[in-house]
């Protein structure tokens, strides 16, 4: 009897999701005093960073968890106002 192992593709999909887990942040916008800050993309080098563009035009990397916490605070403010 020849034993065979059945391989399911679930683990491959999970690793791909983890690789691009910050895709939902792209396009989000918040106001920092008088400056509009927009998440414009994902950092190619490190999955923990997203690219952020401030209104005058400079783009810089920022930690994704920090952006999530900023957007969570913004969402709380909107819920209180509504």
Protein backbone atom coordinates (compact mmCIF):
# COMPACT_ATOMS: atom_id res chain seq x y z
CA UNK A 1 0.00 0.00 0.00
CA UNK A 2 1.43 3.34 -1.05
CA UNK A 3 0.61 6.12 1.47
CA UNK A 4 -0.19 9.51 -0.06
CA UNK A 5 -0.63 12.82 1.65
CA UNK A 6 -3.46 15.10 0.71
CA UNK A 7 -2.39 18.74 0.65
CA UNK A 8 -5.00 21.45 0.98
CA UNK A 9 -4.26 24.98 -0.27
CA UNK A 10 -5.57 26.74 2.86
CA UNK A 11 -2.17 27.60 4.32
CA UNK A 12 -0.97 29.23 1.11
CA UNK A 13 -3.97 31.57 1.04
CA UNK A 14 -3.47 32.49 4.68
CA UNK A 15 0.17 33.47 4.09
CA UNK A 16 -0.79 35.62 1.10
CA UNK A 17 -3.43 37.40 3.17
CA UNK A 18 -0.90 38.06 5.91
CA UNK A 19 1.56 39.39 3.33
CA UNK A 20 -0.88 42.07 2.11
CA UNK A 21 -2.90 42.55 5.28
CA UNK A 22 -2.67 46.37 5.11
CA UNK A 23 -4.39 46.73 1.74
CA UNK A 24 -7.54 48.02 3.45
CA UNK A 25 -5.65 51.13 4.62
CA UNK A 26 -4.88 52.32 1.08
CA UNK A 27 -7.05 55.30 0.20
CA UNK A 28 -7.92 56.25 3.78
CA UNK A 29 -7.64 59.97 4.58
CA UNK A 30 -7.50 62.00 7.80
CA UNK A 31 -6.84 65.62 8.68
CA UNK A 32 -3.82 66.49 10.85
CA UNK A 33 -4.55 70.08 11.85
CA UNK A 34 -4.56 71.82 8.42
CA UNK A 35 -2.77 69.07 6.49
CA UNK A 36 -4.57 66.27 4.65
CA UNK A 37 -2.83 62.90 5.10
CA UNK A 38 -3.58 60.08 2.62
CA UNK A 39 -2.41 56.47 2.62
CA UNK A 40 -1.26 55.98 -0.98
CA UNK A 41 0.29 52.52 -0.99
CA UNK A 42 2.10 49.66 0.67
CA UNK A 43 5.82 49.66 1.35
CA UNK A 44 7.50 47.12 -0.92
CA UNK A 45 10.41 46.45 1.44
CA UNK A 46 8.56 45.86 4.71
CA UNK A 47 4.98 44.67 5.25
CA UNK A 48 4.68 46.61 8.51
CA UNK A 49 4.80 49.99 6.74
CA UNK A 50 2.43 51.92 4.47
CA UNK A 51 3.26 54.93 2.29
CA UNK A 52 1.67 58.17 3.44
CA UNK A 53 1.40 61.40 1.44
CA UNK A 54 0.85 64.71 3.15
CA UNK A 55 -1.00 67.44 1.26
CA UNK A 56 2.04 69.42 0.05
CA UNK A 57 3.29 66.31 -1.72
CA UNK A 58 6.03 64.52 0.22
CA UNK A 59 5.60 60.75 0.62
CA UNK A 60 7.02 58.86 3.58
CA UNK A 61 6.62 55.42 5.17
CA UNK A 62 4.66 55.07 8.40
CA UNK A 63 3.90 52.08 10.59
CA UNK A 64 0.64 50.39 9.65
CA UNK A 65 -0.42 49.75 13.25
CA UNK A 66 -0.02 53.46 13.97
CA UNK A 67 -2.24 54.34 11.01
CA UNK A 68 -4.85 51.83 12.22
CA UNK A 69 -4.90 53.45 15.65
CA UNK A 70 -5.27 56.92 14.10
CA UNK A 71 -8.20 55.76 11.96
CA UNK A 72 -9.78 54.04 14.99
CA UNK A 73 -9.68 57.36 16.86
CA UNK A 74 -11.17 59.15 13.84
CA UNK A 75 -13.98 56.58 13.65
CA UNK A 76 -14.75 57.05 17.35
CA UNK A 77 -15.02 60.83 16.83
CA UNK A 78 -17.41 60.33 13.92
CA UNK A 79 -19.61 57.95 15.94
CA UNK A 80 -19.84 60.41 18.84
CA UNK A 81 -20.81 63.24 16.50
CA UNK A 82 -23.54 61.21 14.81
